[in-house]
């Protein structure tokens, strides 16, 4: 019902910035949440940030607070993740996902985009 496509990943030096974009299509609602997750080889997937589709509520993992900003771009129908002051530990495959506010699990996932932060 919801299709997600990520873009914006790449290689950046520590301290640099990247802006990831999650383009959503299909059935979207104000109470739909879009989340960003990342996973590095050998590590569990971890939560990065999330936003309600209408932009009303945002959430960040502690390590991202003050560095990452999630936002909605209504004109492009995207959820964007501005990542500043990137660190090597931010390296990973970033996925966006969607869930209903009443659900605990994310049912729809994009294929991901790679973020690599060099020292």
C-alpha atoms as a PDB file:
ATOM      1  CA  UNK A   1       0.000   0.000   0.000  1.00  0.00           C
ATOM      2  CA  UNK A   2       2.937   2.305   0.663  1.00  0.00           C
ATOM      3  CA  UNK A   3       5.996   2.359  -1.541  1.00  0.00           C
ATOM      4  CA  UNK A   4       9.228   3.910  -0.343  1.00  0.00           C
ATOM      5  CA  UNK A   5      12.371   4.793  -2.240  1.00  0.00           C
ATOM      6  CA  UNK A   6      15.500   6.168  -0.594  1.00  0.00           C
ATOM      7  CA  UNK A   7      18.105   8.376  -2.173  1.00  0.00           C
ATOM      8  CA  UNK A   8      20.937  10.674  -1.183  1.00  0.00           C
ATOM      9  CA  UNK A   9      23.461   8.267   0.243  1.00  0.00           C
ATOM     10  CA  UNK A  10      27.106   8.434  -0.601  1.00  0.00           C
ATOM     11  CA  UNK A  11      30.628   8.816   0.661  1.00  0.00           C
ATOM     12  CA  UNK A  12      31.474  11.739   2.895  1.00  0.00           C
ATOM     13  CA  UNK A  13      34.326  12.664   5.182  1.00  0.00           C
ATOM     14  CA  UNK A  14      33.861  12.899   8.916  1.00  0.00           C
ATOM     15  CA  UNK A  15      32.296  16.200   9.826  1.00  0.00           C
ATOM     16  CA  UNK A  16      30.516  16.454   6.523  1.00  0.00           C
ATOM     17  CA  UNK A  17      26.841  16.332   5.709  1.00  0.00           C
ATOM     18  CA  UNK A  18      24.417  14.311   3.669  1.00  0.00           C
ATOM     19  CA  UNK A  19      20.744  14.680   3.021  1.00  0.00           C
ATOM     20  CA  UNK A  20      18.751  11.504   2.592  1.00  0.00           C
ATOM     21  CA  UNK A  21      15.366  11.500   0.990  1.00  0.00           C
ATOM     22  CA  UNK A  22      12.563   8.987   1.299  1.00  0.00           C
ATOM     23  CA  UNK A  23       9.981   9.305  -1.422  1.00  0.00           C
ATOM     24  CA  UNK A  24       6.622   7.865  -0.467  1.00  0.00           C
ATOM     25  CA  UNK A  25       3.851   6.854  -2.787  1.00  0.00           C
ATOM     26  CA  UNK A  26       0.623   4.962  -2.466  1.00  0.00           C
ATOM     27  CA  UNK A  27      -1.645   5.266   0.508  1.00  0.00           C
ATOM     28  CA  UNK A  28      -0.432   7.825   3.018  1.00  0.00           C
ATOM     29  CA  UNK A  29      -2.213   9.290   6.024  1.00  0.00           C
ATOM     30  CA  UNK A  30      -1.548  11.915   8.637  1.00  0.00           C
ATOM     31  CA  UNK A  31      -1.136   9.236  11.284  1.00  0.00           C
ATOM     32  CA  UNK A  32       1.394   7.352   9.205  1.00  0.00           C
ATOM     33  CA  UNK A  33       4.926   7.420  10.572  1.00  0.00           C
ATOM     34  CA  UNK A  34       8.021   7.364   8.432  1.00  0.00           C
ATOM     35  CA  UNK A  35      11.110   6.121  10.185  1.00  0.00           C
ATOM     36  CA  UNK A  36      14.764   5.983   9.279  1.00  0.00           C
ATOM     37  CA  UNK A  37      16.826   3.001  10.333  1.00  0.00           C
ATOM     38  CA  UNK A  38      20.398   2.043   9.695  1.00  0.00           C
ATOM     39  CA  UNK A  39      22.409  -1.122   9.804  1.00  0.00           C
ATOM     40  CA  UNK A  40      26.120  -1.718   9.598  1.00  0.00           C
ATOM     41  CA  UNK A  41      27.658  -5.108   8.806  1.00  0.00           C
ATOM     42  CA  UNK A  42      27.570  -7.347  11.849  1.00  0.00           C
ATOM     43  CA  UNK A  43      25.319  -4.991  13.773  1.00  0.00           C
ATOM     44  CA  UNK A  44      21.641  -4.938  14.537  1.00  0.00           C
ATOM     45  CA  UNK A  45      19.390  -2.539  12.784  1.00  0.00           C
ATOM     46  CA  UNK A  46      18.972   0.591  14.854  1.00  0.00           C
ATOM     47  CA  UNK A  47      16.442   3.345  14.927  1.00  0.00           C
ATOM     48  CA  UNK A  48      17.605   6.719  13.685  1.00  0.00           C
ATOM     49  CA  UNK A  49      14.628   9.035  13.464  1.00  0.00           C
ATOM     50  CA  UNK A  50      10.940   9.152  12.680  1.00  0.00           C
ATOM     51  CA  UNK A  51       8.301  11.664  11.744  1.00  0.00           C
ATOM     52  CA  UNK A  52       4.555  11.621  11.437  1.00  0.00           C
ATOM     53  CA  UNK A  53       3.449  12.086   7.873  1.00  0.00           C
ATOM     54  CA  UNK A  54       1.966  15.489   8.607  1.00  0.00           C
ATOM     55  CA  UNK A  55       5.220  16.543  10.269  1.00  0.00           C
ATOM     56  CA  UNK A  56       3.617  17.115  13.645  1.00  0.00           C
ATOM     57  CA  UNK A  57       5.786  14.766  15.667  1.00  0.00           C
ATOM     58  CA  UNK A  58       9.444  13.914  15.339  1.00  0.00           C
ATOM     59  CA  UNK A  59      11.678  11.459  17.162  1.00  0.00           C
ATOM     60  CA  UNK A  60      15.416  10.934  17.276  1.00  0.00           C
ATOM     61  CA  UNK A  61      17.751   8.389  18.699  1.00  0.00           C
ATOM     62  CA  UNK A  62      19.980   9.931  21.344  1.00  0.00           C
ATOM     63  CA  UNK A  63      23.127   9.751  19.257  1.00  0.00           C
ATOM     64  CA  UNK A  64      21.464  11.686  16.453  1.00  0.00           C
ATOM     65  CA  UNK A  65      20.006  14.515  18.486  1.00  0.00           C
ATOM     66  CA  UNK A  66      21.537  17.819  17.537  1.00  0.00           C
ATOM     67  CA  UNK A  67      23.105  16.391  14.392  1.00  0.00           C
ATOM     68  CA  UNK A  68      20.228  14.957  12.382  1.00  0.00           C
ATOM     69  CA  UNK A  69      17.007  16.644  11.400  1.00  0.00           C
ATOM     70  CA  UNK A  70      14.009  14.894   9.930  1.00  0.00           C
ATOM     71  CA  UNK A  71      11.456  16.832   7.955  1.00  0.00           C
ATOM     72  CA  UNK A  72       8.662  16.578   5.445  1.00  0.00           C
ATOM     73  CA  UNK A  73       8.900  18.117   2.015  1.00  0.00           C
ATOM     74  CA  UNK A  74       5.336  18.444   0.849  1.00  0.00           C
ATOM     75  CA  UNK A  75       6.280  19.658  -2.611  1.00  0.00           C
ATOM     76  CA  UNK A  76       8.332  16.546  -3.332  1.00  0.00           C
ATOM     77  CA  UNK A  77       6.268  14.165  -1.206  1.00  0.00           C
ATOM     78  CA  UNK A  78       9.327  13.083   0.700  1.00  0.00           C
ATOM     79  CA  UNK A  79      10.645  12.642   4.184  1.00  0.00           C
ATOM     80  CA  UNK A  80      14.163  13.978   4.351  1.00  0.00           C
ATOM     81  CA  UNK A  81      16.909  13.311   6.838  1.00  0.00           C
ATOM     82  CA  UNK A  82      19.523  16.022   7.048  1.00  0.00           C
ATOM     83  CA  UNK A  83      22.645  14.542   8.591  1.00  0.00           C
ATOM     84  CA  UNK A  84      25.292  16.948   9.817  1.00  0.00           C
ATOM     85  CA  UNK A  85      28.599  16.431  11.557  1.00  0.00           C
ATOM     86  CA  UNK A  86      28.740  12.877  10.338  1.00  0.00           C
ATOM     87  CA  UNK A  87      30.950  10.407  12.126  1.00  0.00           C
ATOM     88  CA  UNK A  88      32.470   7.132  10.958  1.00  0.00           C
ATOM     89  CA  UNK A  89      30.081   5.293  13.250  1.00  0.00           C
ATOM     90  CA  UNK A  90      27.222   6.704  11.191  1.00  0.00           C
ATOM     91  CA  UNK A  91      28.298   4.447   8.351  1.00  0.00           C
ATOM     92  CA  UNK A  92      25.648   1.967   7.356  1.00  0.00           C
ATOM     93  CA  UNK A  93      22.819   1.122   5.071  1.00  0.00           C
ATOM     94  CA  UNK A  94      19.966   3.513   5.707  1.00  0.00           C
ATOM     95  CA  UNK A  95      16.392   2.450   5.143  1.00  0.00           C
ATOM     96  CA  UNK A  96      13.175   4.335   5.464  1.00  0.00           C
ATOM     97  CA  UNK A  97      10.081   2.533   6.614  1.00  0.00           C
ATOM     98  CA  UNK A  98       6.424   3.256   7.214  1.00  0.00           C
ATOM     99  CA  UNK A  99       3.954   2.200   9.873  1.00  0.00           C
ATOM    100  CA  UNK A 100       0.591   3.250  11.138  1.00  0.00           C
ATOM    101  CA  UNK A 101       0.568   5.132  14.417  1.00  0.00           C
ATOM    102  CA  UNK A 102      -1.430   2.337  16.003  1.00  0.00           C
ATOM    103  CA  UNK A 103       1.110  -0.309  15.013  1.00  0.00           C
ATOM    104  CA  UNK A 104       4.397  -1.145  16.680  1.00  0.00           C
ATOM    105  CA  UNK A 105       6.071  -2.610  13.623  1.00  0.00           C
ATOM    106  CA  UNK A 106       7.059  -1.008  10.359  1.00  0.00           C
ATOM    107  CA  UNK A 107       5.329  -2.863   7.557  1.00  0.00           C
ATOM    108  CA  UNK A 108       6.762  -1.089   4.535  1.00  0.00           C
ATOM    109  CA  UNK A 109      10.443  -0.713   3.767  1.00  0.00           C
ATOM    110  CA  UNK A 110      12.552   0.849   1.099  1.00  0.00           C
ATOM    111  CA  UNK A 111      15.535  -0.914  -0.399  1.00  0.00           C
ATOM    112  CA  UNK A 112      18.018   1.359   1.317  1.00  0.00           C
ATOM    113  CA  UNK A 113      20.825   3.723   0.504  1.00  0.00           C
ATOM    114  CA  UNK A 114      24.427   3.380   1.599  1.00  0.00           C
ATOM    115  CA  UNK A 115      26.088   6.015   3.748  1.00  0.00           C
ATOM    116  CA  UNK A 116      29.821   5.786   4.238  1.00  0.00           C
ATOM    117  CA  UNK A 117      31.684   8.223   6.452  1.00  0.00           C
ATOM    118  CA  UNK A 118      35.445   8.158   6.196  1.00  0.00           C
ATOM    119  CA  UNK A 119      37.902   9.265   8.842  1.00  0.00           C
END
